[in-house]
Structures are given as C-alpha cells and as structure tokens.
Amino acid sequence: ERIMDVLREPVLLDGLPIDVGGSVGV
C-alpha cells in the first residue's frame, strides 16, 4: 500500500503531468 501511495502523485515530464497508477500482486 505504501508503494501505491508513492505512485499516486503524477510524474511531470516536459510540463505535462502524467498519472502513474498500477496493480501490485503480493
């Protein structure tokens, strides 16, 4: 869950915010 929290903030590339989501299997 902490990993998913880290990825919730968008990544800013060339001024364009890109949402990063994903699925985690444990």
PDB file of all heavy atoms in Angstrom:
ATOM      1  N   GLU A   1       0.832  -1.210   0.000  1.00  0.00           N
ATOM      2  CA  GLU A   1       0.000   0.000   0.000  1.00  0.00           C
ATOM      3  C   GLU A   1       0.863   1.257   0.000  1.00  0.00           C
ATOM      4  O   GLU A   1       0.527   2.259  -0.649  1.00  0.00           O
ATOM      5  CB  GLU A   1      -0.926  -0.022   1.218  1.00  0.00           C
ATOM      6  CG  GLU A   1      -2.027  -1.072   1.113  1.00  0.00           C
ATOM      7  CD  GLU A   1      -2.815  -1.219   2.394  1.00  0.00           C
ATOM      8  OE1 GLU A   1      -2.347  -0.694   3.439  1.00  0.00           O
ATOM      9  OE2 GLU A   1      -3.886  -1.862   2.364  1.00  0.00           O
ATOM     10  N   ARG A   2       1.993   1.206   0.697  1.00  0.00           N
ATOM     11  CA  ARG A   2       2.895   2.371   0.703  1.00  0.00           C
ATOM     12  C   ARG A   2       3.506   2.582  -0.685  1.00  0.00           C
ATOM     13  O   ARG A   2       3.754   3.724  -1.090  1.00  0.00           O
ATOM     14  CB  ARG A   2       3.979   2.186   1.762  1.00  0.00           C
ATOM     15  CG  ARG A   2       3.459   2.376   3.183  1.00  0.00           C
ATOM     16  CD  ARG A   2       4.600   2.622   4.166  1.00  0.00           C
ATOM     17  NE  ARG A   2       5.372   1.410   4.417  1.00  0.00           N
ATOM     18  CZ  ARG A   2       5.066   0.520   5.351  1.00  0.00           C
ATOM     19  NH1 ARG A   2       3.982   0.689   6.103  1.00  0.00           N
ATOM     20  NH2 ARG A   2       5.822  -0.539   5.545  1.00  0.00           N
ATOM     21  N   ILE A   3       3.747   1.500  -1.389  1.00  0.00           N
ATOM     22  CA  ILE A   3       4.258   1.624  -2.761  1.00  0.00           C
ATOM     23  C   ILE A   3       3.228   2.330  -3.643  1.00  0.00           C
ATOM     24  O   ILE A   3       3.555   3.218  -4.436  1.00  0.00           O
ATOM     25  CB  ILE A   3       4.614   0.238  -3.329  1.00  0.00           C
ATOM     26  CG1 ILE A   3       5.909  -0.263  -2.701  1.00  0.00           C
ATOM     27  CG2 ILE A   3       4.747   0.287  -4.853  1.00  0.00           C
ATOM     28  CD1 ILE A   3       6.304  -1.645  -3.147  1.00  0.00           C
ATOM     29  N   MET A   4       1.959   1.951  -3.510  1.00  0.00           N
ATOM     30  CA  MET A   4       0.922   2.588  -4.314  1.00  0.00           C
ATOM     31  C   MET A   4       0.788   4.073  -3.955  1.00  0.00           C
ATOM     32  O   MET A   4       0.518   4.905  -4.832  1.00  0.00           O
ATOM     33  CB  MET A   4      -0.409   1.869  -4.107  1.00  0.00           C
ATOM     34  CG  MET A   4      -0.402   0.399  -4.536  1.00  0.00           C
ATOM     35  SD  MET A   4       0.289   0.146  -6.201  1.00  0.00           S
ATOM     36  CE  MET A   4      -0.838   1.129  -7.196  1.00  0.00           C
ATOM     37  N   ASP A   5       0.987   4.397  -2.682  1.00  0.00           N
ATOM     38  CA  ASP A   5       0.947   5.809  -2.278  1.00  0.00           C
ATOM     39  C   ASP A   5       2.037   6.612  -2.981  1.00  0.00           C
ATOM     40  O   ASP A   5       1.824   7.763  -3.383  1.00  0.00           O
ATOM     41  CB  ASP A   5       1.114   5.927  -0.760  1.00  0.00           C
ATOM     42  CG  ASP A   5      -0.115   5.428   0.000  1.00  0.00           C
ATOM     43  OD1 ASP A   5      -1.201   5.367  -0.607  1.00  0.00           O
ATOM     44  OD2 ASP A   5       0.028   5.081   1.184  1.00  0.00           O
ATOM     45  N   VAL A   6       3.213   6.003  -3.112  1.00  0.00           N
ATOM     46  CA  VAL A   6       4.340   6.678  -3.768  1.00  0.00           C
ATOM     47  C   VAL A   6       4.014   6.993  -5.225  1.00  0.00           C
ATOM     48  O   VAL A   6       4.467   8.011  -5.779  1.00  0.00           O
ATOM     49  CB  VAL A   6       5.602   5.784  -3.680  1.00  0.00           C
ATOM     50  CG1 VAL A   6       6.690   6.284  -4.613  1.00  0.00           C
ATOM     51  CG2 VAL A   6       6.125   5.750  -2.251  1.00  0.00           C
ATOM     52  N   LEU A   7       3.214   6.151  -5.862  1.00  0.00           N
ATOM     53  CA  LEU A   7       2.938   6.311  -7.289  1.00  0.00           C
ATOM     54  C   LEU A   7       1.711   7.169  -7.575  1.00  0.00           C
ATOM     55  O   LEU A   7       1.393   7.420  -8.738  1.00  0.00           O
ATOM     56  CB  LEU A   7       2.743   4.926  -7.936  1.00  0.00           C
ATOM     57  CG  LEU A   7       3.956   3.993  -7.903  1.00  0.00           C
ATOM     58  CD1 LEU A   7       3.614   2.671  -8.566  1.00  0.00           C
ATOM     59  CD2 LEU A   7       5.152   4.637  -8.590  1.00  0.00           C
ATOM     60  N   ARG A   8       1.002   7.583  -6.533  1.00  0.00           N
ATOM     61  CA  ARG A   8      -0.236   8.345  -6.769  1.00  0.00           C
ATOM     62  C   ARG A   8       0.030   9.759  -7.268  1.00  0.00           C
ATOM     63  O   ARG A   8      -0.795  10.342  -7.967  1.00  0.00           O
ATOM     64  CB  ARG A   8      -1.078   8.376  -5.485  1.00  0.00           C
ATOM     65  CG  ARG A   8      -1.765   7.047  -5.218  1.00  0.00           C
ATOM     66  CD  ARG A   8      -2.877   7.155  -4.192  1.00  0.00           C
ATOM     67  NE  ARG A   8      -3.571   5.877  -4.093  1.00  0.00           N
ATOM     68  CZ  ARG A   8      -3.289   4.932  -3.203  1.00  0.00           C
ATOM     69  NH1 ARG A   8      -2.319   5.137  -2.324  1.00  0.00           N
ATOM     70  NH2 ARG A   8      -3.973   3.804  -3.183  1.00  0.00           N
ATOM     71  N   GLU A   9       1.173  10.326  -6.906  1.00  0.00           N
ATOM     72  CA  GLU A   9       1.491  11.689  -7.375  1.00  0.00           C
ATOM     73  C   GLU A   9       1.902  11.644  -8.837  1.00  0.00           C
ATOM     74  O   GLU A   9       2.742  10.833  -9.236  1.00  0.00           O
ATOM     75  CB  GLU A   9       2.614  12.278  -6.529  1.00  0.00           C
ATOM     76  CG  GLU A   9       2.936  13.719  -6.897  1.00  0.00           C
ATOM     77  CD  GLU A   9       4.066  14.274  -6.045  1.00  0.00           C
ATOM     78  OE1 GLU A   9       4.407  13.641  -5.025  1.00  0.00           O
ATOM     79  OE2 GLU A   9       4.614  15.319  -6.417  1.00  0.00           O
ATOM     80  N   PRO A  10       1.315  12.487  -9.702  1.00  0.00           N
ATOM     81  CA  PRO A  10       1.653  12.462 -11.139  1.00  0.00           C
ATOM     82  C   PRO A  10       3.144  12.743 -11.372  1.00  0.00           C
ATOM     83  O   PRO A  10       3.803  13.423 -10.589  1.00  0.00           O
ATOM     84  CB  PRO A  10       0.786  13.578 -11.727  1.00  0.00           C
ATOM     85  CG  PRO A  10      -0.302  13.787 -10.733  1.00  0.00           C
ATOM     86  CD  PRO A  10       0.299  13.492  -9.391  1.00  0.00           C
ATOM     87  N   VAL A  11       3.637  12.221 -12.477  1.00  0.00           N
ATOM     88  CA  VAL A  11       5.014  12.472 -12.902  1.00  0.00           C
ATOM     89  C   VAL A  11       4.986  13.616 -13.909  1.00  0.00           C
ATOM     90  O   VAL A  11       4.248  13.564 -14.902  1.00  0.00           O
ATOM     91  CB  VAL A  11       5.632  11.208 -13.536  1.00  0.00           C
ATOM     92  CG1 VAL A  11       7.019  11.527 -14.101  1.00  0.00           C
ATOM     93  CG2 VAL A  11       5.714  10.089 -12.513  1.00  0.00           C
ATOM     94  N   LEU A  12       5.778  14.645 -13.664  1.00  0.00           N
ATOM     95  CA  LEU A  12       5.801  15.819 -14.538  1.00  0.00           C
ATOM     96  C   LEU A  12       6.917  15.646 -15.567  1.00  0.00           C
ATOM     97  O   LEU A  12       8.100  15.640 -15.231  1.00  0.00           O
ATOM     98  CB  LEU A  12       6.031  17.078 -13.704  1.00  0.00           C
ATOM     99  CG  LEU A  12       5.722  18.412 -14.402  1.00  0.00           C
ATOM    100  CD1 LEU A  12       4.238  18.512 -14.737  1.00  0.00           C
ATOM    101  CD2 LEU A  12       6.145  19.581 -13.506  1.00  0.00           C
ATOM    102  N   LEU A  13       6.554  15.508 -16.845  1.00  0.00           N
ATOM    103  CA  LEU A  13       7.516  15.351 -17.931  1.00  0.00           C
ATOM    104  C   LEU A  13       7.238  16.407 -18.988  1.00  0.00           C
ATOM    105  O   LEU A  13       6.139  16.441 -19.583  1.00  0.00           O
ATOM    106  CB  LEU A  13       7.417  13.950 -18.554  1.00  0.00           C
ATOM    107  CG  LEU A  13       7.788  12.773 -17.645  1.00  0.00           C
ATOM    108  CD1 LEU A  13       7.549  11.451 -18.368  1.00  0.00           C
ATOM    109  CD2 LEU A  13       9.239  12.868 -17.206  1.00  0.00           C
ATOM    110  N   ASP A  14       8.230  17.293 -19.215  1.00  0.00           N
ATOM    111  CA  ASP A  14       8.089  18.384 -20.191  1.00  0.00           C
ATOM    112  C   ASP A  14       6.846  19.222 -19.898  1.00  0.00           C
ATOM    113  O   ASP A  14       6.113  19.636 -20.812  1.00  0.00           O
ATOM    114  CB  ASP A  14       8.028  17.824 -21.617  1.00  0.00           C
ATOM    115  CG  ASP A  14       9.303  17.104 -22.003  1.00  0.00           C
ATOM    116  OD1 ASP A  14      10.363  17.445 -21.457  1.00  0.00           O
ATOM    117  OD2 ASP A  14       9.234  16.185 -22.843  1.00  0.00           O
ATOM    118  N   GLY A  15       6.575  19.453 -18.611  1.00  0.00           N
ATOM    119  CA  GLY A  15       5.433  20.261 -18.220  1.00  0.00           C
ATOM    120  C   GLY A  15       4.107  19.542 -18.247  1.00  0.00           C
ATOM    121  O   GLY A  15       3.072  20.117 -17.908  1.00  0.00           O
ATOM    122  N   LEU A  16       4.097  18.285 -18.670  1.00  0.00           N
ATOM    123  CA  LEU A  16       2.858  17.519 -18.768  1.00  0.00           C
ATOM    124  C   LEU A  16       2.757  16.543 -17.610  1.00  0.00           C
ATOM    125  O   LEU A  16       3.617  15.666 -17.459  1.00  0.00           O
ATOM    126  CB  LEU A  16       2.826  16.752 -20.099  1.00  0.00           C
ATOM    127  CG  LEU A  16       1.592  15.883 -20.343  1.00  0.00           C
ATOM    128  CD1 LEU A  16       0.357  16.765 -20.506  1.00  0.00           C
ATOM    129  CD2 LEU A  16       1.798  15.016 -21.588  1.00  0.00           C
ATOM    130  N   PRO A  17       1.731  16.689 -16.748  1.00  0.00           N
ATOM    131  CA  PRO A  17       1.582  15.736 -15.633  1.00  0.00           C
ATOM    132  C   PRO A  17       1.019  14.408 -16.145  1.00  0.00           C
ATOM    133  O   PRO A  17      -0.027  14.373 -16.797  1.00  0.00           O
ATOM    134  CB  PRO A  17       0.603  16.443 -14.700  1.00  0.00           C
ATOM    135  CG  PRO A  17      -0.194  17.352 -15.580  1.00  0.00           C
ATOM    136  CD  PRO A  17       0.704  17.745 -16.716  1.00  0.00           C
ATOM    137  N   ILE A  18       1.726  13.334 -15.827  1.00  0.00           N
ATOM    138  CA  ILE A  18       1.292  12.001 -16.256  1.00  0.00           C
ATOM    139  C   ILE A  18       0.943  11.195 -15.016  1.00  0.00           C
ATOM    140  O   ILE A  18       1.783  11.006 -14.130  1.00  0.00           O
ATOM    141  CB  ILE A  18       2.402  11.292 -17.063  1.00  0.00           C
ATOM    142  CG1 ILE A  18       2.732  12.096 -18.316  1.00  0.00           C
ATOM    143  CG2 ILE A  18       1.982   9.870 -17.437  1.00  0.00           C
ATOM    144  CD1 ILE A  18       3.890  11.527 -19.113  1.00  0.00           C
ATOM    145  N   ASP A  19      -0.300  10.755 -14.964  1.00  0.00           N
ATOM    146  CA  ASP A  19      -0.732   9.945 -13.828  1.00  0.00           C
ATOM    147  C   ASP A  19      -0.123   8.554 -13.917  1.00  0.00           C
ATOM    148  O   ASP A  19      -0.151   7.909 -14.970  1.00  0.00           O
ATOM    149  CB  ASP A  19      -2.255   9.830 -13.801  1.00  0.00           C
ATOM    150  CG  ASP A  19      -2.915  11.142 -13.399  1.00  0.00           C
ATOM    151  OD1 ASP A  19      -2.383  11.801 -12.496  1.00  0.00           O
ATOM    152  OD2 ASP A  19      -3.944  11.510 -14.005  1.00  0.00           O
ATOM    153  N   VAL A  20       0.443   8.121 -12.814  1.00  0.00           N
ATOM    154  CA  VAL A  20       1.066   6.797 -12.748  1.00  0.00           C
ATOM    155  C   VAL A  20       0.257   5.945 -11.775  1.00  0.00           C
ATOM    156  O   VAL A  20       0.221   6.222 -10.586  1.00  0.00           O
ATOM    157  CB  VAL A  20       2.534   6.880 -12.258  1.00  0.00           C
ATOM    158  CG1 VAL A  20       3.146   5.488 -12.249  1.00  0.00           C
ATOM    159  CG2 VAL A  20       3.328   7.814 -13.142  1.00  0.00           C
ATOM    160  N   GLY A  21      -0.386   4.960 -12.314  1.00  0.00           N
ATOM    161  CA  GLY A  21      -1.087   4.001 -11.472  1.00  0.00           C
ATOM    162  C   GLY A  21      -0.545   2.623 -11.753  1.00  0.00           C
ATOM    163  O   GLY A  21       0.345   2.435 -12.578  1.00  0.00           O
ATOM    164  N   GLY A  22      -1.084   1.647 -11.068  1.00  0.00           N
ATOM    165  CA  GLY A  22      -0.609   0.299 -11.315  1.00  0.00           C
ATOM    166  C   GLY A  22      -1.329  -0.702 -10.448  1.00  0.00           C
ATOM    167  O   GLY A  22      -2.211  -0.355  -9.650  1.00  0.00           O
ATOM    168  N   SER A  23      -0.969  -1.948 -10.647  1.00  0.00           N
ATOM    169  CA  SER A  23      -1.514  -3.042  -9.856  1.00  0.00           C
ATOM    170  C   SER A  23      -0.365  -3.799  -9.222  1.00  0.00           C
ATOM    171  O   SER A  23       0.658  -4.040  -9.880  1.00  0.00           O
ATOM    172  CB  SER A  23      -2.345  -3.976 -10.731  1.00  0.00           C
ATOM    173  OG  SER A  23      -3.414  -3.282 -11.339  1.00  0.00           O
ATOM    174  N   VAL A  24      -0.537  -4.164  -7.952  1.00  0.00           N
ATOM    175  CA  VAL A  24       0.507  -4.869  -7.215  1.00  0.00           C
ATOM    176  C   VAL A  24      -0.017  -6.232  -6.783  1.00  0.00           C
ATOM    177  O   VAL A  24      -1.106  -6.334  -6.213  1.00  0.00           O
ATOM    178  CB  VAL A  24       0.963  -4.074  -5.975  1.00  0.00           C
ATOM    179  CG1 VAL A  24       1.996  -4.867  -5.179  1.00  0.00           C
ATOM    180  CG2 VAL A  24       1.548  -2.736  -6.391  1.00  0.00           C
ATOM    181  N   GLY A  25       0.785  -7.255  -7.061  1.00  0.00           N
ATOM    182  CA  GLY A  25       0.498  -8.591  -6.558  1.00  0.00           C
ATOM    183  C   GLY A  25       1.514  -8.949  -5.485  1.00  0.00           C
ATOM    184  O   GLY A  25       2.708  -8.672  -5.633  1.00  0.00           O
ATOM    185  N   VAL A  26       1.058  -9.555  -4.402  1.00  0.00           N
ATOM    186  CA  VAL A  26       1.904  -9.847  -3.250  1.00  0.00           C
ATOM    187  C   VAL A  26       1.967 -11.350  -3.025  1.00  0.00           C
ATOM    188  O   VAL A  26       0.932 -12.021  -2.955  1.00  0.00           O
ATOM    189  CB  VAL A  26       1.370  -9.153  -1.978  1.00  0.00           C
ATOM    190  CG1 VAL A  26       2.283  -9.447  -0.785  1.00  0.00           C
ATOM    191  CG2 VAL A  26       1.217  -7.655  -2.199  1.00  0.00           C
TER     192      VAL A  26
END
